[in-house]
Amino acid sequence: ALLYRLRLTALARANPFTLSGGEKRRLSVATMLVTA
């Protein structure tokens, strides 16, 4: 659900360090949201 909500679904298997700056920021937010 978080991957979809933050437009990261297509990048689910990508290395986080190869993402764009904006994608890295959304992933970093998602890593905290997943713990509620």
PDB file of all heavy atoms in Angstrom:
ATOM      1  N   ALA A   1       0.824  -1.209   0.000  1.00  0.00           N
ATOM      2  CA  ALA A   1       0.000   0.000   0.000  1.00  0.00           C
ATOM      3  C   ALA A   1       0.858   1.257   0.000  1.00  0.00           C
ATOM      4  O   ALA A   1       0.561   2.234  -0.703  1.00  0.00           O
ATOM      5  CB  ALA A   1      -0.942  -0.012   1.205  1.00  0.00           C
ATOM      6  N   LEU A   2       1.936   1.257   0.772  1.00  0.00           N
ATOM      7  CA  LEU A   2       2.807   2.431   0.817  1.00  0.00           C
ATOM      8  C   LEU A   2       3.559   2.625  -0.486  1.00  0.00           C
ATOM      9  O   LEU A   2       3.737   3.755  -0.953  1.00  0.00           O
ATOM     10  CB  LEU A   2       3.797   2.296   1.980  1.00  0.00           C
ATOM     11  CG  LEU A   2       3.269   2.696   3.355  1.00  0.00           C
ATOM     12  CD1 LEU A   2       4.263   2.300   4.443  1.00  0.00           C
ATOM     13  CD2 LEU A   2       2.995   4.199   3.411  1.00  0.00           C
ATOM     14  N   LEU A   3       4.020   1.542  -1.082  1.00  0.00           N
ATOM     15  CA  LEU A   3       4.691   1.643  -2.383  1.00  0.00           C
ATOM     16  C   LEU A   3       3.769   2.298  -3.406  1.00  0.00           C
ATOM     17  O   LEU A   3       4.184   3.182  -4.169  1.00  0.00           O
ATOM     18  CB  LEU A   3       5.118   0.255  -2.877  1.00  0.00           C
ATOM     19  CG  LEU A   3       6.277  -0.402  -2.135  1.00  0.00           C
ATOM     20  CD1 LEU A   3       6.429  -1.849  -2.596  1.00  0.00           C
ATOM     21  CD2 LEU A   3       7.578   0.354  -2.361  1.00  0.00           C
ATOM     22  N   TYR A   4       2.517   1.881  -3.405  1.00  0.00           N
ATOM     23  CA  TYR A   4       1.558   2.450  -4.354  1.00  0.00           C
ATOM     24  C   TYR A   4       1.284   3.911  -4.035  1.00  0.00           C
ATOM     25  O   TYR A   4       1.290   4.765  -4.930  1.00  0.00           O
ATOM     26  CB  TYR A   4       0.259   1.645  -4.308  1.00  0.00           C
ATOM     27  CG  TYR A   4      -0.827   2.222  -5.190  1.00  0.00           C
ATOM     28  CD1 TYR A   4      -0.823   2.006  -6.567  1.00  0.00           C
ATOM     29  CD2 TYR A   4      -1.847   3.000  -4.640  1.00  0.00           C
ATOM     30  CE1 TYR A   4      -1.811   2.546  -7.382  1.00  0.00           C
ATOM     31  CE2 TYR A   4      -2.838   3.543  -5.440  1.00  0.00           C
ATOM     32  CZ  TYR A   4      -2.816   3.316  -6.804  1.00  0.00           C
ATOM     33  OH  TYR A   4      -3.789   3.857  -7.607  1.00  0.00           O
ATOM     34  N   ARG A   5       1.055   4.192  -2.775  1.00  0.00           N
ATOM     35  CA  ARG A   5       0.662   5.556  -2.376  1.00  0.00           C
ATOM     36  C   ARG A   5       1.764   6.572  -2.688  1.00  0.00           C
ATOM     37  O   ARG A   5       1.473   7.719  -3.052  1.00  0.00           O
ATOM     38  CB  ARG A   5       0.340   5.573  -0.881  1.00  0.00           C
ATOM     39  CG  ARG A   5      -0.179   6.914  -0.387  1.00  0.00           C
ATOM     40  CD  ARG A   5      -1.549   7.201  -0.989  1.00  0.00           C
ATOM     41  NE  ARG A   5      -2.002   8.547  -0.671  1.00  0.00           N
ATOM     42  CZ  ARG A   5      -2.706   8.868   0.411  1.00  0.00           C
ATOM     43  NH1 ARG A   5      -3.036   7.917   1.278  1.00  0.00           N
ATOM     44  NH2 ARG A   5      -3.097  10.090   0.623  1.00  0.00           N
ATOM     45  N   LEU A   6       3.012   6.180  -2.561  1.00  0.00           N
ATOM     46  CA  LEU A   6       4.122   7.103  -2.754  1.00  0.00           C
ATOM     47  C   LEU A   6       4.807   6.931  -4.110  1.00  0.00           C
ATOM     48  O   LEU A   6       5.938   7.348  -4.294  1.00  0.00           O
ATOM     49  CB  LEU A   6       5.135   6.937  -1.616  1.00  0.00           C
ATOM     50  CG  LEU A   6       4.583   7.369  -0.248  1.00  0.00           C
ATOM     51  CD1 LEU A   6       5.563   7.040   0.865  1.00  0.00           C
ATOM     52  CD2 LEU A   6       4.235   8.837  -0.224  1.00  0.00           C
ATOM     53  N   ARG A   7       4.117   6.290  -5.056  1.00  0.00           N
ATOM     54  CA  ARG A   7       4.590   6.148  -6.441  1.00  0.00           C
ATOM     55  C   ARG A   7       5.956   5.457  -6.522  1.00  0.00           C
ATOM     56  O   ARG A   7       6.846   5.877  -7.252  1.00  0.00           O
ATOM     57  CB  ARG A   7       4.645   7.510  -7.132  1.00  0.00           C
ATOM     58  CG  ARG A   7       3.290   8.152  -7.330  1.00  0.00           C
ATOM     59  CD  ARG A   7       3.380   9.483  -8.064  1.00  0.00           C
ATOM     60  NE  ARG A   7       2.071  10.066  -8.222  1.00  0.00           N
ATOM     61  CZ  ARG A   7       1.257   9.888  -9.264  1.00  0.00           C
ATOM     62  NH1 ARG A   7       1.651   9.110 -10.258  1.00  0.00           N
ATOM     63  NH2 ARG A   7       0.078  10.477  -9.325  1.00  0.00           N
ATOM     64  N   LEU A   8       6.095   4.378  -5.771  1.00  0.00           N
ATOM     65  CA  LEU A   8       7.347   3.631  -5.753  1.00  0.00           C
ATOM     66  C   LEU A   8       7.171   2.185  -6.210  1.00  0.00           C
ATOM     67  O   LEU A   8       8.126   1.411  -6.189  1.00  0.00           O
ATOM     68  CB  LEU A   8       7.956   3.654  -4.339  1.00  0.00           C
ATOM     69  CG  LEU A   8       8.374   5.029  -3.809  1.00  0.00           C
ATOM     70  CD1 LEU A   8       8.744   4.929  -2.324  1.00  0.00           C
ATOM     71  CD2 LEU A   8       9.538   5.595  -4.605  1.00  0.00           C
ATOM     72  N   THR A   9       5.969   1.807  -6.618  1.00  0.00           N
ATOM     73  CA  THR A   9       5.700   0.414  -6.977  1.00  0.00           C
ATOM     74  C   THR A   9       6.635  -0.091  -8.072  1.00  0.00           C
ATOM     75  O   THR A   9       7.184  -1.194  -7.979  1.00  0.00           O
ATOM     76  CB  THR A   9       4.238   0.250  -7.425  1.00  0.00           C
ATOM     77  OG1 THR A   9       3.370   0.647  -6.352  1.00  0.00           O
ATOM     78  CG2 THR A   9       3.945  -1.199  -7.786  1.00  0.00           C
ATOM     79  N   ALA A  10       6.829   0.717  -9.105  1.00  0.00           N
ATOM     80  CA  ALA A  10       7.669   0.287 -10.231  1.00  0.00           C
ATOM     81  C   ALA A  10       9.138   0.179  -9.844  1.00  0.00           C
ATOM     82  O   ALA A  10       9.940  -0.407 -10.573  1.00  0.00           O
ATOM     83  CB  ALA A  10       7.513   1.264 -11.392  1.00  0.00           C
ATOM     84  N   LEU A  11       9.485   0.728  -8.680  1.00  0.00           N
ATOM     85  CA  LEU A  11      10.878   0.725  -8.221  1.00  0.00           C
ATOM     86  C   LEU A  11      11.098  -0.253  -7.072  1.00  0.00           C
ATOM     87  O   LEU A  11      12.147  -0.229  -6.431  1.00  0.00           O
ATOM     88  CB  LEU A  11      11.281   2.138  -7.774  1.00  0.00           C
ATOM     89  CG  LEU A  11      11.204   3.217  -8.853  1.00  0.00           C
ATOM     90  CD1 LEU A  11      11.317   4.603  -8.229  1.00  0.00           C
ATOM     91  CD2 LEU A  11      12.290   3.013  -9.895  1.00  0.00           C
ATOM     92  N   ALA A  12      10.146  -1.135  -6.814  1.00  0.00           N
ATOM     93  CA  ALA A  12      10.211  -2.005  -5.640  1.00  0.00           C
ATOM     94  C   ALA A  12      11.476  -2.849  -5.604  1.00  0.00           C
ATOM     95  O   ALA A  12      12.017  -3.132  -4.525  1.00  0.00           O
ATOM     96  CB  ALA A  12       8.980  -2.910  -5.592  1.00  0.00           C
ATOM     97  N   ARG A  13      12.001  -3.250  -6.767  1.00  0.00           N
ATOM     98  CA  ARG A  13      13.199  -4.097  -6.812  1.00  0.00           C
ATOM     99  C   ARG A  13      14.469  -3.296  -7.075  1.00  0.00           C
ATOM    100  O   ARG A  13      15.550  -3.870  -7.189  1.00  0.00           O
ATOM    101  CB  ARG A  13      13.015  -5.168  -7.881  1.00  0.00           C
ATOM    102  CG  ARG A  13      11.851  -6.117  -7.607  1.00  0.00           C
ATOM    103  CD  ARG A  13      11.668  -7.125  -8.728  1.00  0.00           C
ATOM    104  NE  ARG A  13      12.841  -7.976  -8.884  1.00  0.00           N
ATOM    105  CZ  ARG A  13      12.984  -8.881  -9.845  1.00  0.00           C
ATOM    106  NH1 ARG A  13      12.009  -9.028 -10.745  1.00  0.00           N
ATOM    107  NH2 ARG A  13      14.072  -9.609  -9.925  1.00  0.00           N
ATOM    108  N   ALA A  14      14.348  -1.967  -7.163  1.00  0.00           N
ATOM    109  CA  ALA A  14      15.512  -1.131  -7.450  1.00  0.00           C
ATOM    110  C   ALA A  14      16.364  -0.913  -6.205  1.00  0.00           C
ATOM    111  O   ALA A  14      15.872  -0.955  -5.073  1.00  0.00           O
ATOM    112  CB  ALA A  14      15.057   0.220  -8.004  1.00  0.00           C
ATOM    113  N   ASN A  15      17.646  -0.689  -6.418  1.00  0.00           N
ATOM    114  CA  ASN A  15      18.541  -0.321  -5.320  1.00  0.00           C
ATOM    115  C   ASN A  15      18.184   1.084  -4.848  1.00  0.00           C
ATOM    116  O   ASN A  15      18.121   2.007  -5.657  1.00  0.00           O
ATOM    117  CB  ASN A  15      19.992  -0.364  -5.802  1.00  0.00           C
ATOM    118  CG  ASN A  15      20.986  -0.156  -4.675  1.00  0.00           C
ATOM    119  OD1 ASN A  15      20.847   0.747  -3.870  1.00  0.00           O
ATOM    120  ND2 ASN A  15      22.004  -1.005  -4.621  1.00  0.00           N
ATOM    121  N   PRO A  16      17.947   1.308  -3.562  1.00  0.00           N
ATOM    122  CA  PRO A  16      17.547   2.634  -3.075  1.00  0.00           C
ATOM    123  C   PRO A  16      18.532   3.736  -3.443  1.00  0.00           C
ATOM    124  O   PRO A  16      18.131   4.891  -3.642  1.00  0.00           O
ATOM    125  CB  PRO A  16      17.472   2.445  -1.560  1.00  0.00           C
ATOM    126  CG  PRO A  16      17.195   0.998  -1.374  1.00  0.00           C
ATOM    127  CD  PRO A  16      17.941   0.300  -2.477  1.00  0.00           C
ATOM    128  N   PHE A  17      19.814   3.405  -3.537  1.00  0.00           N
ATOM    129  CA  PHE A  17      20.823   4.425  -3.805  1.00  0.00           C
ATOM    130  C   PHE A  17      20.827   4.883  -5.263  1.00  0.00           C
ATOM    131  O   PHE A  17      21.492   5.858  -5.598  1.00  0.00           O
ATOM    132  CB  PHE A  17      22.202   3.913  -3.398  1.00  0.00           C
ATOM    133  CG  PHE A  17      22.343   3.721  -1.919  1.00  0.00           C
ATOM    134  CD1 PHE A  17      22.095   2.475  -1.350  1.00  0.00           C
ATOM    135  CD2 PHE A  17      22.688   4.771  -1.089  1.00  0.00           C
ATOM    136  CE1 PHE A  17      22.200   2.287   0.016  1.00  0.00           C
ATOM    137  CE2 PHE A  17      22.803   4.590   0.282  1.00  0.00           C
ATOM    138  CZ  PHE A  17      22.550   3.352   0.841  1.00  0.00           C
ATOM    139  N   THR A  18      20.071   4.182  -6.140  1.00  0.00           N
ATOM    140  CA  THR A  18      19.989   4.597  -7.539  1.00  0.00           C
ATOM    141  C   THR A  18      18.750   5.429  -7.824  1.00  0.00           C
ATOM    142  O   THR A  18      18.529   5.853  -8.957  1.00  0.00           O
ATOM    143  CB  THR A  18      19.993   3.379  -8.481  1.00  0.00           C
ATOM    144  OG1 THR A  18      18.784   2.630  -8.293  1.00  0.00           O
ATOM    145  CG2 THR A  18      21.192   2.492  -8.228  1.00  0.00           C
ATOM    146  N   LEU A  19      17.930   5.699  -6.817  1.00  0.00           N
ATOM    147  CA  LEU A  19      16.729   6.493  -7.014  1.00  0.00           C
ATOM    148  C   LEU A  19      17.073   7.965  -7.185  1.00  0.00           C
ATOM    149  O   LEU A  19      18.159   8.421  -6.811  1.00  0.00           O
ATOM    150  CB  LEU A  19      15.786   6.343  -5.814  1.00  0.00           C
ATOM    151  CG  LEU A  19      15.337   4.932  -5.423  1.00  0.00           C
ATOM    152  CD1 LEU A  19      14.344   5.005  -4.281  1.00  0.00           C
ATOM    153  CD2 LEU A  19      14.752   4.190  -6.604  1.00  0.00           C
ATOM    154  N   SER A  20      16.125   8.724  -7.725  1.00  0.00           N
ATOM    155  CA  SER A  20      16.292  10.175  -7.774  1.00  0.00           C
ATOM    156  C   SER A  20      16.183  10.747  -6.357  1.00  0.00           C
ATOM    157  O   SER A  20      15.748  10.052  -5.421  1.00  0.00           O
ATOM    158  CB  SER A  20      15.218  10.799  -8.665  1.00  0.00           C
ATOM    159  OG  SER A  20      13.952  10.798  -8.009  1.00  0.00           O
ATOM    160  N   GLY A  21      16.549  12.003  -6.205  1.00  0.00           N
ATOM    161  CA  GLY A  21      16.469  12.627  -4.888  1.00  0.00           C
ATOM    162  C   GLY A  21      15.059  12.626  -4.336  1.00  0.00           C
ATOM    163  O   GLY A  21      14.835  12.335  -3.157  1.00  0.00           O
ATOM    164  N   GLY A  22      14.069  12.954  -5.179  1.00  0.00           N
ATOM    165  CA  GLY A  22      12.689  12.956  -4.729  1.00  0.00           C
ATOM    166  C   GLY A  22      12.191  11.568  -4.373  1.00  0.00           C
ATOM    167  O   GLY A  22      11.442  11.395  -3.401  1.00  0.00           O
ATOM    168  N   GLU A  23      12.601  10.573  -5.144  1.00  0.00           N
ATOM    169  CA  GLU A  23      12.205   9.191  -4.848  1.00  0.00           C
ATOM    170  C   GLU A  23      12.842   8.707  -3.551  1.00  0.00           C
ATOM    171  O   GLU A  23      12.202   8.013  -2.749  1.00  0.00           O
ATOM    172  CB  GLU A  23      12.598   8.284  -6.009  1.00  0.00           C
ATOM    173  CG  GLU A  23      11.784   8.512  -7.274  1.00  0.00           C
ATOM    174  CD  GLU A  23      12.405   7.896  -8.511  1.00  0.00           C
ATOM    175  OE1 GLU A  23      13.600   7.547  -8.470  1.00  0.00           O
ATOM    176  OE2 GLU A  23      11.693   7.772  -9.521  1.00  0.00           O
ATOM    177  N   LYS A  24      14.114   9.066  -3.330  1.00  0.00           N
ATOM    178  CA  LYS A  24      14.772   8.700  -2.069  1.00  0.00           C
ATOM    179  C   LYS A  24      14.036   9.315  -0.880  1.00  0.00           C
ATOM    180  O   LYS A  24      13.867   8.668   0.159  1.00  0.00           O
ATOM    181  CB  LYS A  24      16.226   9.166  -2.074  1.00  0.00           C
ATOM    182  CG  LYS A  24      17.144   8.384  -2.981  1.00  0.00           C
ATOM    183  CD  LYS A  24      18.537   8.988  -2.981  1.00  0.00           C
ATOM    184  CE  LYS A  24      19.470   8.262  -3.946  1.00  0.00           C
ATOM    185  NZ  LYS A  24      20.796   8.904  -4.025  1.00  0.00           N
ATOM    186  N   ARG A  25      13.619  10.583  -1.035  1.00  0.00           N
ATOM    187  CA  ARG A  25      12.905  11.215   0.069  1.00  0.00           C
ATOM    188  C   ARG A  25      11.589  10.495   0.349  1.00  0.00           C
ATOM    189  O   ARG A  25      11.255  10.233   1.512  1.00  0.00           O
ATOM    190  CB  ARG A  25      12.652  12.686  -0.269  1.00  0.00           C
ATOM    191  CG  ARG A  25      11.700  13.418   0.671  1.00  0.00           C
ATOM    192  CD  ARG A  25      12.044  13.189   2.137  1.00  0.00           C
ATOM    193  NE  ARG A  25      13.157  13.963   2.583  1.00  0.00           N
ATOM    194  CZ  ARG A  25      14.027  13.580   3.503  1.00  0.00           C
ATOM    195  NH1 ARG A  25      13.926  12.388   4.057  1.00  0.00           N
ATOM    196  NH2 ARG A  25      15.002  14.363   3.891  1.00  0.00           N
ATOM    197  N   ARG A  26      10.828  10.155  -0.684  1.00  0.00           N
ATOM    198  CA  ARG A  26       9.561   9.458  -0.445  1.00  0.00           C
ATOM    199  C   ARG A  26       9.796   8.087   0.187  1.00  0.00           C
ATOM    200  O   ARG A  26       9.035   7.656   1.057  1.00  0.00           O
ATOM    201  CB  ARG A  26       8.771   9.324  -1.756  1.00  0.00           C
ATOM    202  CG  ARG A  26       8.376  10.666  -2.351  1.00  0.00           C
ATOM    203  CD  ARG A  26       7.229  10.559  -3.328  1.00  0.00           C
ATOM    204  NE  ARG A  26       7.469   9.725  -4.472  1.00  0.00           N
ATOM    205  CZ  ARG A  26       8.155  10.089  -5.554  1.00  0.00           C
ATOM    206  NH1 ARG A  26       8.715  11.290  -5.608  1.00  0.00           N
ATOM    207  NH2 ARG A  26       8.308   9.273  -6.583  1.00  0.00           N
ATOM    208  N   LEU A  27      10.868   7.394  -0.222  1.00  0.00           N
ATOM    209  CA  LEU A  27      11.181   6.103   0.386  1.00  0.00           C
ATOM    210  C   LEU A  27      11.550   6.267   1.858  1.00  0.00           C
ATOM    211  O   LEU A  27      11.130   5.476   2.703  1.00  0.00           O
ATOM    212  CB  LEU A  27      12.325   5.423  -0.380  1.00  0.00           C
ATOM    213  CG  LEU A  27      12.824   4.100   0.211  1.00  0.00           C
ATOM    214  CD1 LEU A  27      11.695   3.076   0.311  1.00  0.00           C
ATOM    215  CD2 LEU A  27      13.978   3.546  -0.615  1.00  0.00           C
ATOM    216  N   SER A  28      12.328   7.296   2.169  1.00  0.00           N
ATOM    217  CA  SER A  28      12.724   7.491   3.569  1.00  0.00           C
ATOM    218  C   SER A  28      11.513   7.779   4.446  1.00  0.00           C
ATOM    219  O   SER A  28      11.449   7.331   5.598  1.00  0.00           O
ATOM    220  CB  SER A  28      13.753   8.624   3.682  1.00  0.00           C
ATOM    221  OG  SER A  28      13.186   9.882   3.358  1.00  0.00           O
ATOM    222  N   VAL A  29      10.542   8.515   3.915  1.00  0.00           N
ATOM    223  CA  VAL A  29       9.298   8.744   4.661  1.00  0.00           C
ATOM    224  C   VAL A  29       8.545   7.432   4.824  1.00  0.00           C
ATOM    225  O   VAL A  29       8.042   7.110   5.909  1.00  0.00           O
ATOM    226  CB  VAL A  29       8.431   9.799   3.940  1.00  0.00           C
ATOM    227  CG1 VAL A  29       7.050   9.891   4.604  1.00  0.00           C
ATOM    228  CG2 VAL A  29       9.115  11.165   3.961  1.00  0.00           C
ATOM    229  N   ALA A  30       8.487   6.644   3.761  1.00  0.00           N
ATOM    230  CA  ALA A  30       7.767   5.371   3.822  1.00  0.00           C
ATOM    231  C   ALA A  30       8.377   4.417   4.840  1.00  0.00           C
ATOM    232  O   ALA A  30       7.650   3.645   5.490  1.00  0.00           O
ATOM    233  CB  ALA A  30       7.745   4.720   2.439  1.00  0.00           C
ATOM    234  N   THR A  31       9.709   4.429   4.999  1.00  0.00           N
ATOM    235  CA  THR A  31      10.344   3.521   5.960  1.00  0.00           C
ATOM    236  C   THR A  31       9.880   3.788   7.384  1.00  0.00           C
ATOM    237  O   THR A  31       9.897   2.887   8.231  1.00  0.00           O
ATOM    238  CB  THR A  31      11.883   3.622   5.907  1.00  0.00           C
ATOM    239  OG1 THR A  31      12.294   4.948   6.246  1.00  0.00           O
ATOM    240  CG2 THR A  31      12.424   3.238   4.547  1.00  0.00           C
ATOM    241  N   MET A  32       9.483   5.032   7.657  1.00  0.00           N
ATOM    242  CA  MET A  32       8.945   5.348   8.979  1.00  0.00           C
ATOM    243  C   MET A  32       7.444   5.104   9.054  1.00  0.00           C
ATOM    244  O   MET A  32       6.926   4.621  10.063  1.00  0.00           O
ATOM    245  CB  MET A  32       9.261   6.806   9.331  1.00  0.00           C
ATOM    246  CG  MET A  32      10.722   7.076   9.609  1.00  0.00           C
ATOM    247  SD  MET A  32      11.365   6.102  11.019  1.00  0.00           S
ATOM    248  CE  MET A  32      12.292   4.807  10.163  1.00  0.00           C
ATOM    249  N   LEU A  33       6.720   5.403   7.979  1.00  0.00           N
ATOM    250  CA  LEU A  33       5.275   5.196   7.999  1.00  0.00           C
ATOM    251  C   LEU A  33       4.911   3.728   8.165  1.00  0.00           C
ATOM    252  O   LEU A  33       3.887   3.398   8.761  1.00  0.00           O
ATOM    253  CB  LEU A  33       4.657   5.729   6.708  1.00  0.00           C
ATOM    254  CG  LEU A  33       4.769   7.235   6.446  1.00  0.00           C
ATOM    255  CD1 LEU A  33       4.045   7.598   5.157  1.00  0.00           C
ATOM    256  CD2 LEU A  33       4.230   8.042   7.614  1.00  0.00           C
ATOM    257  N   VAL A  34       5.749   2.831   7.669  1.00  0.00           N
ATOM    258  CA  VAL A  34       5.431   1.404   7.733  1.00  0.00           C
ATOM    259  C   VAL A  34       5.408   0.894   9.172  1.00  0.00           C
ATOM    260  O   VAL A  34       4.763  -0.109   9.469  1.00  0.00           O
ATOM    261  CB  VAL A  34       6.437   0.592   6.873  1.00  0.00           C
ATOM    262  CG1 VAL A  34       7.782   0.451   7.579  1.00  0.00           C
ATOM    263  CG2 VAL A  34       5.869  -0.767   6.498  1.00  0.00           C
ATOM    264  N   THR A  35       6.072   1.604  10.078  1.00  0.00           N
ATOM    265  CA  THR A  35       6.086   1.190  11.484  1.00  0.00           C
ATOM    266  C   THR A  35       4.929   1.805  12.277  1.00  0.00           C
ATOM    267  O   THR A  35       4.760   1.476  13.449  1.00  0.00           O
ATOM    268  CB  THR A  35       7.407   1.585  12.166  1.00  0.00           C
ATOM    269  OG1 THR A  35       7.504   3.014  12.251  1.00  0.00           O
ATOM    270  CG2 THR A  35       8.597   1.037  11.389  1.00  0.00           C
ATOM    271  N   ALA A  36       4.153   2.705  11.652  1.00  0.00           N
ATOM    272  CA  ALA A  36       2.977   3.326  12.270  1.00  0.00           C
ATOM    273  C   ALA A  36       3.287   3.929  13.644  1.00  0.00           C
ATOM    274  O   ALA A  36       2.620   3.615  14.635  1.00  0.00           O
ATOM    275  CB  ALA A  36       1.837   2.318  12.368  1.00  0.00           C
TER     276      ALA A  36
END
